[in-house]
Protein backbone atom coordinates (compact mmCIF):
# COMPACT_ATOMS: atom_id res chain seq x y z
CA MET A 1 57.31 38.36 13.20
CA SER A 2 57.10 36.99 9.77
CA LEU A 3 58.61 33.99 8.28
CA ILE A 4 60.68 36.64 6.55
CA ASP A 5 61.72 38.33 9.80
CA GLU A 6 62.85 35.20 11.32
CA LEU A 7 64.56 33.40 8.22
CA ILE A 8 66.77 36.80 7.71
CA GLY A 9 67.21 36.74 11.59
CA ASP A 10 68.39 33.39 11.89
CA PHE A 11 70.94 34.24 8.53
CA GLU A 12 72.22 37.16 10.44
CA HIS A 13 72.80 35.26 13.36
CA THR A 14 74.87 32.35 11.73
CA GLN A 15 75.83 34.03 8.43
CA GLY A 16 73.76 31.09 6.51
CA ASP A 17 75.35 27.70 5.08
CA SER A 18 77.73 27.12 2.31
CA ILE A 19 77.38 25.05 -0.51
CA ASN A 20 79.78 23.25 -2.70
CA GLN A 21 77.80 21.11 -5.30
CA THR A 22 76.66 20.29 -8.45
CA VAL A 23 73.45 22.12 -9.34
CA TYR A 24 71.61 21.82 -12.95
CA ARG A 25 69.17 24.22 -14.83
CA VAL A 26 67.27 23.32 -18.26
CA HIS A 27 67.86 25.92 -21.02
CA SER A 28 65.78 26.52 -24.01
CA LEU A 29 68.16 26.36 -27.24
CA LYS A 30 67.37 29.80 -27.77
CA TRP A 31 68.90 30.66 -24.48
CA ALA A 32 71.52 28.75 -24.03
CA TYR A 33 74.22 30.67 -24.97
CA ALA A 34 74.13 32.95 -21.90
CA PRO A 35 73.93 29.72 -19.21
CA LEU A 36 75.17 32.15 -16.47
CA SER A 37 73.17 35.79 -17.22
CA GLY A 38 69.96 35.51 -15.46
CA ASP A 39 68.52 37.67 -18.04
CA GLY A 40 65.46 35.86 -18.29
CA SER A 41 64.36 36.19 -14.70
CA LYS A 42 65.56 39.80 -14.71
CA SER A 43 63.23 40.68 -17.78
CA ARG A 44 60.15 38.74 -16.82
CA GLY A 45 61.06 38.47 -12.83
CA GLY A 46 60.34 34.82 -11.12
CA ARG A 47 58.62 33.62 -7.75
CA PHE A 48 61.70 34.89 -5.85
CA ASN A 49 63.12 37.90 -7.90
CA PRO A 50 61.25 41.07 -8.95
CA LYS A 51 61.55 42.16 -12.70
CA GLY A 52 64.21 44.05 -13.39
CA GLN A 53 66.64 42.03 -10.81
CA ALA A 54 68.36 39.21 -12.22
CA ALA A 55 68.69 35.82 -10.57
CA LEU A 56 69.79 32.33 -11.41
CA TYR A 57 67.51 29.79 -11.15
CA THR A 58 68.84 26.49 -10.26
CA CYS A 59 68.13 22.83 -8.79
CA ILE A 60 69.64 20.43 -6.77
CA ASP A 61 68.71 17.45 -8.89
CA GLN A 62 68.11 16.96 -12.74
CA PHE A 63 64.91 15.77 -12.35
CA THR A 64 63.39 18.84 -10.52
CA ALA A 65 65.30 20.85 -13.46
CA MET A 66 63.30 19.21 -15.95
CA TYR A 67 60.19 19.90 -14.18
CA GLU A 68 61.10 23.17 -13.31
CA SER A 69 61.18 24.00 -16.86
CA LYS A 70 58.21 22.35 -17.86
CA ALA A 71 59.84 19.92 -20.10
CA ALA A 72 58.61 16.90 -17.61
CA GLY A 73 55.01 16.19 -16.14
CA ASP A 74 51.92 18.29 -16.42
CA GLY A 75 50.76 15.52 -19.06
CA ILE A 76 52.50 17.38 -21.89
CA THR A 77 53.68 14.60 -24.51
CA LEU A 78 55.40 16.87 -26.73
CA ILE A 79 58.28 19.22 -25.16
CA ASP A 80 60.41 21.77 -26.84
CA PRO A 81 64.08 21.29 -27.33
CA VAL A 82 66.26 21.98 -24.13
CA VAL A 83 69.33 21.54 -22.79
CA LEU A 84 70.02 20.23 -19.06
CA LEU A 85 73.05 22.11 -17.90
CA SER A 86 75.28 21.05 -14.78
CA TYR A 87 77.00 23.58 -13.06
CA THR A 88 79.68 23.46 -10.34
CA ALA A 89 78.46 25.76 -7.17
CA THR A 90 80.42 26.81 -4.56
CA CYS A 91 78.95 29.92 -2.51
CA ASP A 92 78.90 31.32 0.84
CA ARG A 93 76.11 33.38 2.84
CA VAL A 94 73.32 30.91 1.47
CA LEU A 95 70.08 31.16 3.19
CA ASN A 96 68.50 27.64 3.59
CA ALA A 97 64.44 28.58 3.72
CA VAL A 98 63.83 24.62 3.21
CA ASP A 99 64.25 23.33 6.69
CA HIS A 100 61.57 25.67 7.95
CA PRO A 101 58.35 23.60 7.90
CA ASP A 102 56.01 26.99 6.75
CA THR A 103 58.24 27.74 4.05
CA ARG A 104 56.25 25.79 1.45
CA ALA A 105 52.64 27.17 2.67
CA TYR A 106 53.72 30.62 2.90
CA PHE A 107 55.43 31.52 -0.14
CA SER A 108 53.42 29.45 -2.53
CA GLY A 109 50.54 31.82 -2.51
CA GLY A 110 52.56 34.67 -2.63
CA TRP A 111 53.12 33.96 -6.06
CA LEU A 112 49.46 35.04 -6.78
CA LEU A 113 49.53 38.23 -5.03
CA PRO A 114 49.85 41.53 -6.83
CA ASN A 115 53.58 42.67 -7.47
CA SER A 116 54.15 44.79 -4.27
CA GLN A 117 52.77 42.19 -2.25
CA ARG A 118 54.54 38.87 -3.84
CA ARG A 119 56.16 37.29 -0.56
CA GLY A 120 59.21 35.97 -2.55
CA TRP A 121 60.02 39.33 -3.91
CA THR A 122 60.31 40.67 -0.39
CA LEU A 123 62.46 37.48 0.41
CA PHE A 124 64.61 38.78 -2.07
CA GLU A 125 65.21 42.28 -1.32
CA ARG A 126 65.80 41.49 2.49
CA ALA A 127 68.09 38.94 1.46
CA ARG A 128 70.14 41.22 -0.93
CA GLN A 129 70.29 43.67 2.02
CA SER A 130 71.76 41.15 4.35
CA ARG A 131 74.33 39.97 1.58
CA VAL A 132 72.92 36.88 1.12
CA ASN A 133 74.36 35.20 -1.99
CA ALA A 134 71.63 32.11 -2.69
CA LEU A 135 68.51 31.14 -1.51
CA ILE A 136 67.84 27.24 -0.94
CA VAL A 137 64.05 27.38 -1.36
CA PRO A 138 61.32 24.37 -2.36
CA SER A 139 60.40 23.87 -5.35
CA TYR A 140 56.92 24.27 -6.56
CA THR A 141 56.72 21.87 -9.43
CA LYS A 142 57.94 18.81 -7.91
CA SER A 143 57.39 17.68 -4.27
CA LYS A 144 60.39 17.47 -2.37
CA GLY A 145 62.68 19.09 -5.03
CA LYS A 146 64.84 21.92 -3.95
CA ASN A 147 66.19 24.78 -6.01
CA VAL A 148 69.16 27.11 -5.50
CA VAL A 149 68.05 30.70 -6.40
CA PHE A 150 71.49 32.73 -6.98
CA LEU A 151 71.28 36.52 -5.95
CA ASN A 152 75.06 37.20 -6.44
CA TRP A 153 77.17 35.29 -8.41
CA SER A 154 79.86 35.19 -10.83
CA ALA A 155 81.93 32.68 -13.13
CA ASP A 156 84.11 31.58 -10.16
CA THR A 157 81.37 30.76 -7.80
CA VAL A 158 78.77 29.26 -10.56
CA LYS A 159 80.88 27.39 -13.33
CA VAL A 160 79.11 25.58 -16.05
CA HIS A 161 80.43 21.99 -16.95
CA ASP A 162 81.32 22.17 -20.27
CA PRO A 163 84.53 20.08 -20.45
CA ASP A 164 84.33 19.60 -24.09
CA GLY A 165 83.47 22.95 -25.23
CA SER A 166 80.01 21.89 -26.53
CA LEU A 167 78.23 25.15 -26.05
CA ARG A 168 80.84 26.98 -27.25
CA ASN A 169 81.18 25.29 -30.34
CA THR A 170 77.62 25.39 -31.05
CA TYR A 171 77.11 28.95 -30.06
CA GLY A 172 80.30 30.32 -31.24
CA ASP A 173 81.10 33.75 -30.61
CA CYS A 174 77.43 34.37 -29.08
CA PHE A 175 78.27 32.14 -26.10
CA ASP A 176 78.67 33.94 -23.09
CA GLN A 177 79.94 32.14 -20.18
CA PHE A 178 81.51 35.04 -18.07
CA ASP A 179 80.56 38.27 -19.46
CA SER A 180 76.79 38.41 -18.55
CA LYS A 181 76.59 38.54 -14.51
CA PRO A 182 74.43 40.51 -11.97
CA GLN A 183 75.86 43.84 -10.98
């Protein structure tokens, strides 16, 4: 039995975890107008989603979000301007892959495999079939960091924290907090 079979089997038996917490994401200024879209991951694919499938990658803490965005670490002294956003996430049917001792090793090398063999993409497809709303996975840029990858979300389950309307004031009519959601 593969690790993916084990993770999906455990999820289907328990119906997964729930989260109700703050998560973080760093956006380039160019794309911060659509903080809920998942369009970037859809256009390029990611570690846990194939090209053409939207996912919203967030982190449990702001430091991991900075590392994931390459805005910190790697010896970089100059960084491009970015916006660190926080979100309130309330979500059920969450598959927590972090607690399994083999997760980090199993998925780390999978990123380098040909597209059809990427383990994270296989997990994504199997998780979608099992109606998983989000995955909790290890960060591969910050040790002990955790990411929450939303597979199904809406403006009701993942809310951008923007109490004074700064994003809307900055981006005006281009700001898209609600309309760009996965199908």
